[in-house]
């Protein structure tokens, strides 16, 4: 064995450099959002730890009262210059095209081979619309389904009727199917399409968390497991991703006080891995927000269904004050 005294000076320089590099790497993760309370100016990699002041807004009421046909509007997309929605449990298996000025129903499309057991959200990609029949208030469902509808079929249908393909799924982490009405953690009201997959955000009645799951877009039967989980402190009821893919908006409520959560600067498609900014709606108690759709980057519409104290309506949100973009 060599005597340490005889080792070249370069050896110690390399050791010192490696140690300094390791310390530097260890210090690069942290909160990278300058708007956060715990912003770290030395951080290069966002570790999802950013914390924010509690924020309240009163969103612009875009449509004060939607038509009775969509009084239980539960999901929302923006396609071809119109908003598209559907009703939830017990409604007809229909999609409704709404204009963006008055919220009037301009067209109704019937899905001929589907039933509306509990339609809870809608999403889209370039060629298809996906309808999530996945509401599970009791925690007992074993027939969770997403209907896949061709946009071309909608555009070319002469009788306003189309058929859907089906994607069936179950949660691999659900071990009990005992009845737990509004007290289970396997309800889901949010789905969005990104790349070749569908992403679901659970609505946990029990622990007020939300789990992120993924499914293929290809019709079939699947078992899905959680990718990640976050304490949202409420019930998540809708999700959409901005056209650029840089920002996700979740909508929901707690004790019927609505909120949104903005997810941005995330890694890949683990949408809970980056910044998580909650915005509460002020003086809107009793409003049951259900769907969200981006019109363009930094501009989105939230839908709410009718309650005892609030009509079904539409609200507009600009996210640039919090996520750093510039609204057009």
Protein backbone atom coordinates (compact mmCIF):
# COMPACT_ATOMS: atom_id res chain seq x y z
CA UNK A 1 0.00 0.00 0.00
CA UNK A 2 1.29 3.44 -0.93
CA UNK A 3 2.19 5.86 1.80
CA UNK A 4 -0.32 8.70 1.78
CA UNK A 5 2.55 11.17 1.92
CA UNK A 6 3.64 10.00 -1.52
CA UNK A 7 0.25 10.53 -3.25
CA UNK A 8 0.31 13.32 -5.84
CA UNK A 9 -1.20 16.69 -5.04
CA UNK A 10 -3.59 16.25 -8.00
CA UNK A 11 -5.25 13.34 -6.16
CA UNK A 12 -6.29 15.63 -3.31
CA UNK A 13 -7.43 18.32 -5.74
CA UNK A 14 -9.74 15.76 -7.39
CA UNK A 15 -11.12 14.63 -4.03
CA UNK A 16 -11.78 18.23 -3.00
CA UNK A 17 -13.47 18.99 -6.31
CA UNK A 18 -15.72 15.95 -6.05
CA UNK A 19 -16.73 16.89 -2.52
CA UNK A 20 -17.50 20.47 -3.55
CA UNK A 21 -19.52 19.23 -6.53
CA UNK A 22 -21.55 16.89 -4.33
CA UNK A 23 -22.28 19.71 -1.89
CA UNK A 24 -23.31 21.95 -4.78
CA UNK A 25 -25.63 19.30 -6.18
CA UNK A 26 -27.18 18.78 -2.75
CA UNK A 27 -27.91 22.50 -2.54
CA UNK A 28 -29.56 22.86 -5.96
CA UNK A 29 -32.98 21.49 -4.95
CA UNK A 30 -35.51 23.74 -3.26
CA UNK A 31 -38.33 26.21 -3.91
CA UNK A 32 -37.64 28.02 -7.18
CA UNK A 33 -40.77 30.23 -7.31
CA UNK A 34 -39.96 33.88 -6.39
CA UNK A 35 -43.60 34.38 -5.32
CA UNK A 36 -43.31 31.72 -2.61
CA UNK A 37 -42.73 32.37 1.09
CA UNK A 38 -39.78 30.00 1.12
CA UNK A 39 -38.16 30.98 -2.19
CA UNK A 40 -34.55 29.78 -2.35
CA UNK A 41 -32.47 31.91 -4.74
CA UNK A 42 -29.75 29.25 -4.80
CA UNK A 43 -32.12 26.46 -5.87
CA UNK A 44 -32.00 25.29 -9.45
CA UNK A 45 -34.25 22.21 -9.27
CA UNK A 46 -37.80 22.66 -7.99
CA UNK A 47 -38.45 20.08 -5.28
CA UNK A 48 -42.16 20.93 -4.92
CA UNK A 49 -41.74 22.48 -1.47
CA UNK A 50 -42.98 26.02 -2.23
CA UNK A 51 -45.37 27.58 0.29
CA UNK A 52 -47.67 30.54 -0.36
CA UNK A 53 -49.80 33.12 1.43
CA UNK A 54 -53.48 32.22 1.58
CA UNK A 55 -55.07 33.86 -1.45
CA UNK A 56 -58.70 34.86 -2.07
CA UNK A 57 -60.32 36.09 -5.28
CA UNK A 58 -63.77 36.78 -6.67
CA UNK A 59 -63.73 35.38 -10.20
CA UNK A 60 -65.53 37.11 -13.04
CA UNK A 61 -69.01 35.63 -13.51
CA UNK A 62 -69.05 34.86 -17.22
CA UNK A 63 -72.61 33.44 -17.34
CA UNK A 64 -74.86 34.02 -14.34
CA UNK A 65 -77.32 31.23 -15.04
CA UNK A 66 -76.99 28.27 -17.38
CA UNK A 67 -80.06 26.67 -19.04
CA UNK A 68 -82.05 24.03 -17.18
CA UNK A 69 -80.78 21.36 -19.60
CA UNK A 70 -77.34 21.64 -17.97
CA UNK A 71 -78.27 22.54 -14.40
CA UNK A 72 -76.10 19.65 -13.18
CA UNK A 73 -73.14 20.44 -15.41
CA UNK A 74 -70.26 18.30 -14.20
CA UNK A 75 -67.41 18.53 -16.72
CA UNK A 76 -66.15 21.03 -19.28
CA UNK A 77 -63.97 21.29 -22.40
CA UNK A 78 -63.39 24.05 -24.96
CA UNK A 79 -63.48 22.78 -28.54
CA UNK A 80 -64.14 24.40 -31.91
CA UNK A 81 -64.99 27.76 -30.33
CA UNK A 82 -67.63 26.33 -27.97
CA UNK A 83 -67.78 24.91 -24.46
CA UNK A 84 -68.98 21.31 -24.17
CA UNK A 85 -70.49 19.83 -21.02
CA UNK A 86 -72.69 17.05 -19.64
CA UNK A 87 -74.81 16.40 -16.57
CA UNK A 88 -73.83 14.03 -13.79
CA UNK A 89 -75.53 11.01 -12.20
CA UNK A 90 -78.93 10.16 -13.60
CA UNK A 91 -78.65 12.54 -16.54
CA UNK A 92 -79.06 11.54 -20.15
CA UNK A 93 -76.03 10.19 -22.05
CA UNK A 94 -75.68 13.48 -23.88
CA UNK A 95 -73.10 16.15 -24.61
CA UNK A 96 -74.19 19.78 -24.82
CA UNK A 97 -72.49 22.47 -26.89
CA UNK A 98 -72.67 25.89 -25.23
CA UNK A 99 -71.85 29.27 -26.70
CA UNK A 100 -69.32 31.30 -24.72
CA UNK A 101 -71.37 34.50 -24.59
CA UNK A 102 -74.67 33.50 -22.98
CA UNK A 103 -74.09 29.83 -22.25
CA UNK A 104 -77.01 28.78 -24.45
CA UNK A 105 -77.25 25.16 -25.63
CA UNK A 106 -76.54 25.21 -29.37
CA UNK A 107 -76.38 21.47 -30.01
CA UNK A 108 -77.02 18.18 -28.23
CA UNK A 109 -75.15 14.96 -29.06
CA UNK A 110 -76.46 11.59 -27.83
CA UNK A 111 -74.02 8.76 -27.08
CA UNK A 112 -76.13 5.83 -28.25
CA UNK A 113 -74.32 2.93 -26.57
CA UNK A 114 -73.57 4.61 -23.24
CA UNK A 115 -75.43 5.22 -20.01
CA UNK A 116 -74.93 8.05 -17.57
CA UNK A 117 -74.51 6.20 -14.30
CA UNK A 118 -72.40 9.02 -12.89
CA UNK A 119 -70.63 11.09 -15.54
CA UNK A 120 -68.22 13.38 -13.72
CA UNK A 121 -65.71 14.88 -16.14
CA UNK A 122 -64.78 15.27 -19.78
CA UNK A 123 -61.46 15.78 -21.55
CA UNK A 124 -60.11 15.77 -25.10
CA UNK A 125 -57.18 15.33 -27.43
CA UNK A 126 -56.91 16.23 -31.10
CA UNK A 127 -59.19 13.45 -32.32
CA UNK A 128 -61.33 12.26 -29.41
CA UNK A 129 -63.46 13.32 -26.46
CA UNK A 130 -63.29 11.21 -23.29
CA UNK A 131 -66.19 11.10 -20.81
CA UNK A 132 -65.51 9.79 -17.32
CA UNK A 133 -68.34 7.67 -15.90
CA UNK A 134 -66.40 7.23 -12.67
CA UNK A 135 -68.35 8.94 -9.90
CA UNK A 136 -68.18 6.67 -6.86
CA UNK A 137 -69.79 8.35 -3.86
CA UNK A 138 -70.47 5.02 -2.17
CA UNK A 139 -67.05 3.53 -2.86
CA UNK A 140 -68.65 0.33 -4.17
CA UNK A 141 -68.43 0.62 -7.97
CA UNK A 142 -66.76 -2.10 -10.04
CA UNK A 143 -67.88 -0.74 -13.42
CA UNK A 144 -65.77 2.42 -13.75
CA UNK A 145 -65.75 3.49 -17.40
CA UNK A 146 -64.39 6.18 -19.69
CA UNK A 147 -66.23 6.61 -22.99
CA UNK A 148 -64.10 7.52 -26.02
CA UNK A 149 -65.96 9.46 -28.71
CA UNK A 150 -64.60 10.44 -32.12
CA UNK A 151 -64.72 14.19 -32.81
CA UNK A 152 -65.09 13.44 -36.51
CA UNK A 153 -68.19 11.37 -35.76
CA UNK A 154 -69.69 14.32 -33.89
CA UNK A 155 -68.94 16.73 -36.73
CA UNK A 156 -70.33 14.45 -39.46
CA UNK A 157 -73.33 12.91 -37.67
CA UNK A 158 -76.56 13.77 -39.47
CA UNK A 159 -78.86 12.77 -36.60
CA UNK A 160 -76.67 14.04 -33.72
CA UNK A 161 -76.08 10.50 -32.49
CA UNK A 162 -72.70 8.79 -32.13
CA UNK A 163 -71.33 5.60 -30.60
CA UNK A 164 -68.43 5.38 -28.15
CA UNK A 165 -65.60 2.99 -27.44
CA UNK A 166 -65.05 2.02 -23.81
CA UNK A 167 -62.09 2.07 -21.44
CA UNK A 168 -62.80 0.18 -18.23
CA UNK A 169 -60.63 0.38 -15.14
CA UNK A 170 -60.26 -0.34 -11.45
CA UNK A 171 -57.98 0.95 -8.70
CA UNK A 172 -55.22 -1.48 -7.80
CA UNK A 173 -54.92 0.03 -4.34
CA UNK A 174 -58.61 -0.37 -3.45
CA UNK A 175 -59.01 -3.40 -1.20
CA UNK A 176 -62.45 -2.76 0.28
CA UNK A 177 -65.72 -2.19 -1.56
CA UNK A 178 -67.83 -1.79 1.57
CA UNK A 179 -70.43 0.94 1.30
CA UNK A 180 -69.04 4.24 2.63
CA UNK A 181 -71.33 6.98 1.35
CA UNK A 182 -69.26 10.18 0.93
CA UNK A 183 -66.71 8.72 3.31
CA UNK A 184 -64.39 6.79 0.99
CA UNK A 185 -61.17 7.67 -0.83
CA UNK A 186 -61.94 6.06 -4.22
CA UNK A 187 -64.27 8.59 -5.77
CA UNK A 188 -63.04 10.43 -8.87
CA UNK A 189 -64.42 13.43 -10.76
CA UNK A 190 -61.40 14.64 -12.73
CA UNK A 191 -59.70 13.40 -15.88
CA UNK A 192 -57.43 15.01 -18.46
CA UNK A 193 -55.72 13.77 -21.61
CA UNK A 194 -51.97 14.28 -21.97
CA UNK A 195 -49.89 12.56 -24.64
CA UNK A 196 -50.87 8.90 -24.95
CA UNK A 197 -52.50 8.69 -21.50
CA UNK A 198 -55.45 9.78 -19.42
CA UNK A 199 -54.69 11.18 -15.96
CA UNK A 200 -57.18 10.96 -13.10
CA UNK A 201 -57.24 12.97 -9.87
CA UNK A 202 -59.17 11.25 -7.09
CA UNK A 203 -61.77 12.93 -4.90
CA UNK A 204 -61.02 11.63 -1.40
CA UNK A 205 -63.96 12.19 0.93
CA UNK A 206 -62.12 10.64 3.85
CA UNK A 207 -58.65 12.19 4.04
CA UNK A 208 -59.15 15.19 1.66
CA UNK A 209 -56.15 14.11 -0.41
CA UNK A 210 -56.07 13.57 -4.15
CA UNK A 211 -54.18 10.72 -5.82
CA UNK A 212 -52.91 10.86 -9.39
CA UNK A 213 -53.51 7.82 -11.62
CA UNK A 214 -52.82 7.12 -15.31
CA UNK A 215 -54.61 5.02 -17.94
CA UNK A 216 -53.95 4.23 -21.61
CA UNK A 217 -56.27 5.85 -24.14
CA UNK A 218 -56.70 2.52 -25.90
CA UNK A 219 -60.06 0.79 -25.25
CA UNK A 220 -59.71 -2.17 -22.91
CA UNK A 221 -59.71 -3.09 -19.22
CA UNK A 222 -57.00 -1.84 -16.89
CA UNK A 223 -55.88 -1.79 -13.28
CA UNK A 224 -54.26 1.52 -12.27
CA UNK A 225 -52.06 2.41 -9.30
CA UNK A 226 -51.24 5.83 -7.81
CA UNK A 227 -48.37 7.84 -9.26
CA UNK A 228 -48.36 10.42 -6.46
CA UNK A 229 -50.62 11.99 -3.84
CA UNK A 230 -51.19 15.45 -2.37
CA UNK A 231 -53.19 16.88 0.53
CA UNK A 232 -55.54 19.27 -1.28
CA UNK A 233 -57.63 19.95 1.85
CA UNK A 234 -60.86 19.59 -0.08
CA UNK A 235 -62.68 17.68 -2.80
CA UNK A 236 -61.27 17.83 -6.34
CA UNK A 237 -64.04 17.91 -8.94
CA UNK A 238 -62.41 18.91 -12.24
CA UNK A 239 -59.06 19.15 -14.04
CA UNK A 240 -57.61 20.54 -17.24
CA UNK A 241 -54.16 21.23 -18.69
CA UNK A 242 -53.25 24.39 -20.56
CA UNK A 243 -52.61 24.24 -24.33
CA UNK A 244 -48.86 24.64 -23.75
CA UNK A 245 -48.90 21.77 -21.25
CA UNK A 246 -47.15 23.91 -18.63
CA UNK A 247 -50.02 24.40 -16.20
CA UNK A 248 -52.76 22.24 -14.70
CA UNK A 249 -55.82 23.64 -12.98
CA UNK A 250 -57.81 21.61 -10.47
CA UNK A 251 -61.15 22.91 -9.24
CA UNK A 252 -63.08 21.79 -6.20
CA UNK A 253 -64.64 22.82 -2.94
CA UNK A 254 -64.51 22.31 0.78
CA UNK A 255 -67.76 22.67 2.72
CA UNK A 256 -69.12 24.09 -0.57
CA UNK A 257 -66.56 26.89 -0.54
CA UNK A 258 -64.90 26.66 -3.98
CA UNK A 259 -61.19 26.78 -4.76
CA UNK A 260 -58.71 26.06 -7.53
CA UNK A 261 -55.22 24.60 -7.27
CA UNK A 262 -52.64 25.56 -9.90
CA UNK A 263 -49.95 22.98 -10.65
CA UNK A 264 -46.91 24.17 -12.60
CA UNK A 265 -43.17 23.65 -12.99
CA UNK A 266 -43.75 19.91 -12.53
CA UNK A 267 -41.48 17.10 -13.69
CA UNK A 268 -42.79 15.10 -16.63
CA UNK A 269 -46.36 14.00 -15.99
CA UNK A 270 -46.09 13.81 -12.20
CA UNK A 271 -48.28 16.87 -11.84
CA UNK A 272 -47.95 17.02 -8.04
CA UNK A 273 -44.14 17.22 -8.22
CA UNK A 274 -43.88 20.99 -8.79
CA UNK A 275 -45.58 24.11 -7.45
CA UNK A 276 -49.04 23.73 -5.95
CA UNK A 277 -50.76 27.11 -5.56
CA UNK A 278 -54.22 27.19 -3.96
CA UNK A 279 -56.63 30.06 -4.71
CA UNK A 280 -59.86 30.24 -2.68
CA UNK A 281 -63.01 31.92 -4.01
CA UNK A 282 -64.20 34.67 -1.69
CA UNK A 283 -67.86 35.17 -0.71
CA UNK A 284 -69.10 32.26 -2.83
CA UNK A 285 -70.26 29.80 -0.15
CA UNK A 286 -72.77 27.33 -1.53
CA UNK A 287 -71.27 27.34 -5.05
CA UNK A 288 -70.51 23.80 -6.25
CA UNK A 289 -67.75 24.11 -8.84
CA UNK A 290 -67.54 21.04 -11.07
CA UNK A 291 -65.65 21.54 -14.33
CA UNK A 292 -62.69 23.47 -15.72
CA UNK A 293 -61.54 24.19 -19.27
CA UNK A 294 -58.64 26.30 -20.53
CA UNK A 295 -59.62 28.67 -23.34
CA UNK A 296 -55.93 29.43 -23.92
CA UNK A 297 -52.80 29.60 -21.80
CA UNK A 298 -53.47 31.46 -18.53
CA UNK A 299 -57.22 31.79 -19.19
CA UNK A 300 -59.76 29.21 -18.03
CA UNK A 301 -63.48 28.77 -17.40
CA UNK A 302 -64.96 27.11 -14.30
CA UNK A 303 -68.48 25.66 -14.33
CA UNK A 304 -70.75 25.23 -11.31
CA UNK A 305 -73.92 23.18 -10.99
CA UNK A 306 -77.14 24.44 -9.48
CA UNK A 307 -77.47 24.36 -5.69
CA UNK A 308 -80.09 25.64 -3.26
CA UNK A 309 -78.33 29.01 -3.07
CA UNK A 310 -76.63 29.33 -6.45
CA UNK A 311 -77.67 28.75 -10.08
CA UNK A 312 -75.52 26.77 -12.51
CA UNK A 313 -73.04 29.20 -14.00
CA UNK A 314 -69.68 29.89 -15.61
CA UNK A 315 -66.72 31.84 -14.16
CA UNK A 316 -63.56 33.07 -15.86
CA UNK A 317 -60.11 32.83 -14.26
CA UNK A 318 -56.81 34.40 -15.37
CA UNK A 319 -53.84 32.60 -13.85
CA UNK A 320 -50.95 34.82 -14.96
CA UNK A 321 -50.72 36.73 -11.62
CA UNK A 322 -49.66 33.48 -9.94
CA UNK A 323 -47.97 31.36 -12.58
CA UNK A 324 -45.99 34.11 -14.29
CA UNK A 325 -47.53 34.12 -17.74
CA UNK A 326 -49.11 36.98 -19.59
CA UNK A 327 -52.81 36.68 -20.37
CA UNK A 328 -53.78 37.53 -23.93
